[in-house]
């Protein structure tokens, strides 16, 4: 499935993609070694997603490392499920985050706080992959 389809399914199930992936991938310790990060690649866009925060700890915070290929775009519907708050931190390249009619360029070291209650998307208009972190606070 694509990233957009998985997010819609998780929203309907009132869970996050990381929680769903952890259920598939098995046991996760409180220390999650980099080589053991649950990872997934979107077949439609090439988007690569790694869950960086250990699951099963009861923490309401998730940290996701994303790599979006040059020219790729992912669009999501409004999310009403378990995500309460989201921050995006740029690492490499320029990530464009759109929310409704607004668009924000997130560069290395930049941090964007964004709501997910309207259609939104991630795009990389550059010529090289962009890397970023998404920090999510769940309800």
N, C-alpha and C. Protein backbone atom coordinates (compact mmCIF):
# COMPACT_ATOMS: atom_id res chain seq x y z
N UNK A 1 0.84 -1.21 0.00
CA UNK A 1 0.00 0.00 0.00
C UNK A 1 0.87 1.25 0.00
N UNK A 2 0.31 2.34 -0.45
CA UNK A 2 1.02 3.62 -0.46
C UNK A 2 0.95 4.27 0.92
N UNK A 3 1.78 5.31 1.11
CA UNK A 3 1.79 6.03 2.39
C UNK A 3 0.43 6.65 2.66
N UNK A 4 -0.18 7.24 1.64
CA UNK A 4 -1.48 7.90 1.84
C UNK A 4 -2.55 6.88 2.25
N UNK A 5 -2.55 5.71 1.64
CA UNK A 5 -3.54 4.68 1.98
C UNK A 5 -3.31 4.18 3.40
N UNK A 6 -2.06 3.94 3.78
CA UNK A 6 -1.78 3.46 5.13
C UNK A 6 -2.21 4.48 6.19
N UNK A 7 -1.97 5.76 5.93
CA UNK A 7 -2.38 6.78 6.90
C UNK A 7 -3.89 6.82 7.03
N UNK A 8 -4.61 6.70 5.91
CA UNK A 8 -6.09 6.68 5.99
C UNK A 8 -6.57 5.47 6.78
N UNK A 9 -5.94 4.30 6.58
CA UNK A 9 -6.32 3.10 7.34
C UNK A 9 -6.05 3.29 8.83
N UNK A 10 -4.87 3.82 9.15
CA UNK A 10 -4.52 4.03 10.55
C UNK A 10 -5.45 5.05 11.20
N UNK A 11 -5.82 6.09 10.46
CA UNK A 11 -6.74 7.10 11.00
C UNK A 11 -8.07 6.44 11.34
N UNK A 12 -8.55 5.57 10.47
CA UNK A 12 -9.81 4.86 10.72
C UNK A 12 -9.72 3.90 11.89
N UNK A 13 -8.52 3.34 12.13
CA UNK A 13 -8.31 2.40 13.23
C UNK A 13 -7.89 3.11 14.52
N UNK A 14 -7.78 4.45 14.46
CA UNK A 14 -7.37 5.25 15.61
C UNK A 14 -6.00 4.81 16.14
N UNK A 15 -5.06 4.62 15.20
CA UNK A 15 -3.69 4.25 15.55
C UNK A 15 -2.75 5.01 14.64
N UNK A 16 -1.45 4.91 14.90
CA UNK A 16 -0.46 5.54 14.04
C UNK A 16 0.24 4.47 13.22
N UNK A 17 0.92 4.91 12.16
CA UNK A 17 1.62 3.97 11.30
C UNK A 17 2.73 3.25 12.07
N UNK A 18 3.42 3.95 12.96
CA UNK A 18 4.48 3.32 13.75
C UNK A 18 3.92 2.21 14.63
N UNK A 19 2.78 2.46 15.26
CA UNK A 19 2.16 1.44 16.10
C UNK A 19 1.76 0.24 15.26
N UNK A 20 1.22 0.48 14.09
CA UNK A 20 0.86 -0.61 13.19
C UNK A 20 2.09 -1.40 12.77
N UNK A 21 3.17 -0.71 12.41
CA UNK A 21 4.39 -1.38 11.97
C UNK A 21 5.02 -2.19 13.10
N UNK A 22 4.96 -1.69 14.31
CA UNK A 22 5.52 -2.41 15.44
C UNK A 22 4.76 -3.71 15.66
N UNK A 23 3.46 -3.68 15.50
CA UNK A 23 2.67 -4.90 15.63
C UNK A 23 3.07 -5.93 14.61
N UNK A 24 3.49 -5.49 13.44
CA UNK A 24 3.92 -6.41 12.39
C UNK A 24 5.34 -6.88 12.62
N UNK A 25 6.20 -5.97 13.04
CA UNK A 25 7.62 -6.27 13.12
C UNK A 25 8.04 -6.98 14.40
N UNK A 26 7.20 -7.07 15.40
CA UNK A 26 7.52 -7.84 16.59
C UNK A 26 8.03 -7.00 17.74
N UNK A 27 8.81 -7.66 18.63
CA UNK A 27 9.28 -7.03 19.86
C UNK A 27 10.22 -5.87 19.59
N UNK A 28 10.06 -4.81 20.41
CA UNK A 28 10.93 -3.65 20.35
C UNK A 28 11.32 -3.30 21.78
N UNK A 29 12.62 -3.15 22.02
CA UNK A 29 13.11 -2.83 23.35
C UNK A 29 13.03 -1.33 23.59
N UNK A 30 13.27 -0.93 24.86
CA UNK A 30 13.26 0.49 25.19
C UNK A 30 14.38 1.23 24.47
N UNK A 31 15.49 0.54 24.20
CA UNK A 31 16.56 1.12 23.39
C UNK A 31 16.42 0.54 22.00
N UNK A 32 16.15 1.40 21.04
CA UNK A 32 15.99 0.95 19.67
C UNK A 32 17.27 1.29 18.91
N UNK A 33 18.07 0.27 18.62
CA UNK A 33 19.34 0.43 17.92
C UNK A 33 19.06 0.86 16.48
N UNK A 34 19.86 1.77 15.95
CA UNK A 34 19.64 2.33 14.61
C UNK A 34 19.46 1.23 13.56
N UNK A 35 20.23 0.19 13.63
CA UNK A 35 20.14 -0.89 12.64
C UNK A 35 18.83 -1.67 12.74
N UNK A 36 18.08 -1.47 13.83
CA UNK A 36 16.83 -2.20 14.04
C UNK A 36 15.59 -1.33 13.85
N UNK A 37 15.76 -0.11 13.36
CA UNK A 37 14.60 0.75 13.14
C UNK A 37 13.64 0.10 12.15
N UNK A 38 12.37 -0.03 12.52
CA UNK A 38 11.40 -0.52 11.55
C UNK A 38 11.34 0.47 10.39
N UNK A 39 11.49 -0.03 9.18
CA UNK A 39 11.52 0.84 8.01
C UNK A 39 10.51 0.36 6.97
N UNK A 40 10.11 1.29 6.14
CA UNK A 40 9.14 0.99 5.10
C UNK A 40 9.37 1.95 3.94
N UNK A 41 9.19 1.48 2.72
CA UNK A 41 9.33 2.32 1.53
C UNK A 41 8.01 2.34 0.77
N UNK A 42 7.53 3.54 0.44
CA UNK A 42 6.30 3.72 -0.32
C UNK A 42 6.57 3.33 -1.77
N UNK A 43 5.87 2.32 -2.28
CA UNK A 43 6.13 1.88 -3.66
C UNK A 43 5.75 2.91 -4.71
N UNK A 44 4.86 3.82 -4.39
CA UNK A 44 4.41 4.81 -5.38
C UNK A 44 5.37 6.00 -5.49
N UNK A 45 6.02 6.39 -4.39
CA UNK A 45 6.83 7.62 -4.40
C UNK A 45 8.30 7.38 -4.10
N UNK A 46 8.64 6.24 -3.52
CA UNK A 46 10.01 6.00 -3.08
C UNK A 46 10.31 6.58 -1.71
N UNK A 47 9.30 7.21 -1.08
CA UNK A 47 9.45 7.76 0.28
C UNK A 47 9.91 6.64 1.20
N UNK A 48 10.95 6.92 1.99
CA UNK A 48 11.48 5.94 2.95
C UNK A 48 11.22 6.46 4.36
N UNK A 49 10.63 5.62 5.19
CA UNK A 49 10.20 6.00 6.54
C UNK A 49 10.83 5.06 7.54
N UNK A 50 11.49 5.62 8.57
CA UNK A 50 12.05 4.82 9.65
C UNK A 50 11.47 5.29 10.97
N UNK A 51 10.95 4.36 11.76
CA UNK A 51 10.47 4.68 13.11
C UNK A 51 11.69 4.69 14.02
N UNK A 52 11.99 5.84 14.61
CA UNK A 52 13.19 5.98 15.43
C UNK A 52 12.94 5.80 16.91
N UNK A 53 11.72 6.02 17.37
CA UNK A 53 11.44 5.93 18.80
C UNK A 53 11.00 4.51 19.15
N UNK A 54 11.48 4.01 20.29
CA UNK A 54 11.08 2.67 20.71
C UNK A 54 9.58 2.59 20.97
N UNK A 55 8.96 1.56 20.47
CA UNK A 55 7.53 1.35 20.71
C UNK A 55 7.34 0.52 21.98
N UNK A 56 6.13 0.49 22.46
CA UNK A 56 5.81 -0.33 23.62
C UNK A 56 6.24 0.27 24.94
N UNK A 57 6.62 1.54 24.94
CA UNK A 57 7.07 2.18 26.17
C UNK A 57 5.94 2.93 26.87
N UNK A 58 4.83 3.13 26.17
CA UNK A 58 3.74 3.92 26.72
C UNK A 58 3.91 5.41 26.47
N UNK A 59 5.00 5.81 25.84
CA UNK A 59 5.23 7.22 25.55
C UNK A 59 4.27 7.70 24.47
N UNK A 60 3.73 8.90 24.62
CA UNK A 60 2.85 9.43 23.59
C UNK A 60 3.62 10.09 22.44
N UNK A 61 4.96 10.05 22.48
CA UNK A 61 5.78 10.70 21.46
C UNK A 61 6.34 9.66 20.49
N UNK A 62 6.27 9.98 19.20
CA UNK A 62 6.89 9.17 18.16
C UNK A 62 7.85 10.05 17.38
N UNK A 63 8.98 9.47 16.98
CA UNK A 63 9.94 10.19 16.15
C UNK A 63 10.13 9.38 14.87
N UNK A 64 9.91 10.02 13.74
CA UNK A 64 10.00 9.38 12.44
C UNK A 64 11.09 10.08 11.63
N UNK A 65 11.93 9.30 10.96
CA UNK A 65 12.91 9.84 10.04
C UNK A 65 12.39 9.59 8.63
N UNK A 66 12.24 10.65 7.85
CA UNK A 66 11.75 10.51 6.49
C UNK A 66 12.79 10.93 5.47
N UNK A 67 12.83 10.20 4.36
CA UNK A 67 13.65 10.59 3.21
C UNK A 67 12.72 10.61 2.01
N UNK A 68 12.58 11.79 1.41
CA UNK A 68 11.69 11.95 0.27
C UNK A 68 12.55 12.20 -0.97
N UNK A 69 12.44 11.34 -1.99
CA UNK A 69 13.26 11.50 -3.20
C UNK A 69 12.97 12.81 -3.92
N UNK A 70 13.92 13.23 -4.72
CA UNK A 70 13.76 14.44 -5.53
C UNK A 70 12.51 14.32 -6.39
N UNK A 71 11.72 15.38 -6.42
CA UNK A 71 10.52 15.42 -7.25
C UNK A 71 9.32 14.68 -6.70
N UNK A 72 9.44 14.03 -5.56
CA UNK A 72 8.34 13.23 -5.00
C UNK A 72 7.38 14.10 -4.20
N UNK A 73 6.13 13.66 -4.15
CA UNK A 73 5.09 14.35 -3.38
C UNK A 73 4.16 13.30 -2.79
N UNK A 74 3.77 13.52 -1.53
CA UNK A 74 2.79 12.66 -0.86
C UNK A 74 1.69 13.55 -0.33
N UNK A 75 0.46 13.25 -0.68
CA UNK A 75 -0.69 14.01 -0.20
C UNK A 75 -1.51 13.16 0.75
N UNK A 76 -1.96 13.79 1.82
CA UNK A 76 -2.74 13.10 2.85
C UNK A 76 -4.07 13.82 3.05
N UNK A 77 -5.10 13.06 3.40
CA UNK A 77 -6.37 13.70 3.78
C UNK A 77 -6.24 14.23 5.21
N UNK A 78 -7.21 15.00 5.68
CA UNK A 78 -7.17 15.43 7.09
C UNK A 78 -7.10 14.21 8.01
N UNK A 79 -6.34 14.35 9.09
CA UNK A 79 -6.21 13.26 10.06
C UNK A 79 -6.94 13.67 11.33
N UNK A 80 -7.85 12.82 11.77
CA UNK A 80 -8.62 13.12 12.98
C UNK A 80 -8.36 12.10 14.07
N UNK A 81 -7.50 11.12 13.81
CA UNK A 81 -7.25 10.02 14.74
C UNK A 81 -6.37 10.40 15.91
N UNK A 82 -5.39 9.55 16.21
CA UNK A 82 -4.65 9.67 17.46
C UNK A 82 -3.58 10.75 17.49
N UNK A 83 -3.26 11.37 16.37
CA UNK A 83 -2.20 12.38 16.37
C UNK A 83 -2.76 13.71 16.87
N UNK A 84 -2.14 14.24 17.90
CA UNK A 84 -2.59 15.49 18.49
C UNK A 84 -1.75 16.66 17.99
N UNK A 85 -0.48 16.43 17.80
CA UNK A 85 0.44 17.51 17.50
C UNK A 85 1.59 16.96 16.66
N UNK A 86 2.16 17.81 15.77
CA UNK A 86 3.25 17.36 14.92
C UNK A 86 4.24 18.50 14.68
N UNK A 87 5.53 18.16 14.74
CA UNK A 87 6.60 19.07 14.39
C UNK A 87 7.43 18.40 13.30
N UNK A 88 7.91 19.19 12.34
CA UNK A 88 8.78 18.69 11.28
C UNK A 88 10.10 19.44 11.40
N UNK A 89 11.21 18.69 11.47
CA UNK A 89 12.54 19.27 11.58
C UNK A 89 13.32 18.91 10.33
N UNK A 90 13.79 19.93 9.59
CA UNK A 90 14.56 19.69 8.38
C UNK A 90 15.98 19.24 8.70
N UNK A 91 16.48 18.26 7.95
CA UNK A 91 17.86 17.79 8.11
C UNK A 91 18.70 18.09 6.87
N UNK A 92 18.25 17.68 5.69
CA UNK A 92 18.95 17.91 4.43
C UNK A 92 17.95 18.29 3.35
N UNK A 93 18.32 19.20 2.48
CA UNK A 93 17.44 19.60 1.40
C UNK A 93 16.32 20.50 1.91
N UNK A 94 15.37 20.78 1.02
CA UNK A 94 14.23 21.62 1.37
C UNK A 94 12.96 20.80 1.21
N UNK A 95 12.24 20.60 2.29
CA UNK A 95 10.96 19.92 2.28
C UNK A 95 9.86 20.98 2.21
N UNK A 96 8.92 20.81 1.31
CA UNK A 96 7.77 21.72 1.27
C UNK A 96 6.60 21.00 1.92
N UNK A 97 6.06 21.60 2.97
CA UNK A 97 4.89 21.05 3.63
C UNK A 97 3.72 21.97 3.31
N UNK A 98 2.65 21.40 2.79
CA UNK A 98 1.46 22.20 2.50
C UNK A 98 0.33 21.77 3.42
N UNK A 99 -0.45 22.75 3.82
CA UNK A 99 -1.60 22.51 4.68
C UNK A 99 -2.70 23.44 4.20
N UNK A 100 -3.74 22.87 3.61
CA UNK A 100 -4.77 23.71 3.01
C UNK A 100 -4.15 24.53 1.90
N UNK A 101 -4.30 25.86 1.95
CA UNK A 101 -3.74 26.75 0.93
C UNK A 101 -2.35 27.26 1.28
N UNK A 102 -1.84 26.94 2.45
CA UNK A 102 -0.54 27.43 2.90
C UNK A 102 0.56 26.42 2.57
N UNK A 103 1.76 26.93 2.25
CA UNK A 103 2.92 26.07 2.00
C UNK A 103 4.11 26.63 2.76
N UNK A 104 4.93 25.73 3.29
CA UNK A 104 6.07 26.12 4.11
C UNK A 104 7.30 25.37 3.62
N UNK A 105 8.40 26.09 3.41
CA UNK A 105 9.68 25.49 3.04
C UNK A 105 10.46 25.21 4.32
N UNK A 106 10.76 23.94 4.57
CA UNK A 106 11.47 23.53 5.78
C UNK A 106 12.87 23.10 5.38
N UNK A 107 13.87 23.93 5.75
CA UNK A 107 15.25 23.65 5.41
C UNK A 107 16.00 23.05 6.59
N UNK A 108 17.28 22.74 6.41
CA UNK A 108 18.08 22.15 7.49
C UNK A 108 18.06 23.03 8.74
N UNK A 109 17.70 22.42 9.86
CA UNK A 109 17.64 23.12 11.13
C UNK A 109 16.32 23.82 11.40
N UNK A 110 15.47 23.96 10.38
CA UNK A 110 14.16 24.59 10.58
C UNK A 110 13.22 23.62 11.28
N UNK A 111 12.26 24.17 12.02
CA UNK A 111 11.25 23.35 12.68
C UNK A 111 9.88 23.96 12.44
N UNK A 112 8.97 23.17 11.89
CA UNK A 112 7.62 23.62 11.60
C UNK A 112 6.64 22.88 12.50
N UNK A 113 5.80 23.64 13.19
CA UNK A 113 4.68 23.05 13.92
C UNK A 113 3.49 23.12 12.99
N UNK A 114 2.76 22.02 12.83
CA UNK A 114 1.67 22.03 11.87
C UNK A 114 0.49 21.18 12.34
N UNK A 115 -0.68 21.66 12.01
CA UNK A 115 -1.92 20.92 12.28
C UNK A 115 -2.16 19.96 11.12
N UNK A 116 -2.88 18.91 11.37
CA UNK A 116 -3.15 17.90 10.36
C UNK A 116 -4.65 17.76 10.10
N UNK A 117 -5.42 18.75 10.52
CA UNK A 117 -6.88 18.67 10.44
C UNK A 117 -7.43 19.12 9.09
N UNK A 118 -6.57 19.34 8.13
CA UNK A 118 -6.99 19.69 6.76
C UNK A 118 -6.11 18.91 5.79
N UNK A 119 -6.47 18.85 4.52
CA UNK A 119 -5.59 18.15 3.57
C UNK A 119 -4.18 18.73 3.63
N UNK A 120 -3.18 17.86 3.62
CA UNK A 120 -1.80 18.31 3.74
C UNK A 120 -0.89 17.41 2.91
N UNK A 121 0.32 17.88 2.68
CA UNK A 121 1.23 17.08 1.87
C UNK A 121 2.68 17.45 2.09
N UNK A 122 3.54 16.52 1.71
CA UNK A 122 4.99 16.68 1.77
C UNK A 122 5.50 16.61 0.34
N UNK A 123 6.37 17.54 -0.06
CA UNK A 123 6.95 17.45 -1.40
C UNK A 123 8.40 17.89 -1.38
N UNK A 124 9.14 17.34 -2.32
CA UNK A 124 10.54 17.68 -2.49
C UNK A 124 10.70 18.22 -3.90
N UNK A 125 10.83 19.52 -4.03
CA UNK A 125 10.96 20.16 -5.33
C UNK A 125 12.41 20.25 -5.77
N UNK A 126 13.32 19.77 -4.93
CA UNK A 126 14.76 19.84 -5.23
C UNK A 126 15.23 18.71 -6.14
N UNK A 127 16.54 18.71 -6.36
CA UNK A 127 17.15 17.71 -7.25
C UNK A 127 17.83 16.59 -6.49
N UNK A 128 17.84 16.65 -5.16
CA UNK A 128 18.42 15.59 -4.33
C UNK A 128 17.39 15.21 -3.27
N UNK A 129 17.51 14.02 -2.69
CA UNK A 129 16.57 13.63 -1.64
C UNK A 129 16.62 14.60 -0.46
N UNK A 130 15.49 14.80 0.19
CA UNK A 130 15.50 15.60 1.41
C UNK A 130 15.20 14.66 2.59
N UNK A 131 15.85 14.97 3.69
CA UNK A 131 15.69 14.17 4.91
C UNK A 131 15.14 15.08 6.00
N UNK A 132 14.29 14.50 6.83
CA UNK A 132 13.66 15.29 7.89
C UNK A 132 13.18 14.36 9.00
N UNK A 133 12.91 14.96 10.15
CA UNK A 133 12.31 14.25 11.28
C UNK A 133 10.90 14.75 11.47
N UNK A 134 10.01 13.85 11.82
CA UNK A 134 8.66 14.21 12.23
C UNK A 134 8.50 13.76 13.68
N UNK A 135 8.17 14.69 14.55
CA UNK A 135 7.95 14.39 15.96
C UNK A 135 6.45 14.52 16.20
N UNK A 136 5.85 13.42 16.62
CA UNK A 136 4.40 13.33 16.76
C UNK A 136 4.04 13.14 18.23
N UNK A 137 3.05 13.88 18.69
CA UNK A 137 2.48 13.67 20.02
C UNK A 137 1.12 13.04 19.82
N UNK A 138 0.95 11.83 20.37
CA UNK A 138 -0.34 11.12 20.25
C UNK A 138 -1.21 11.42 21.45
N UNK A 139 -2.51 11.32 21.24
CA UNK A 139 -3.47 11.51 22.33
C UNK A 139 -3.37 10.36 23.30
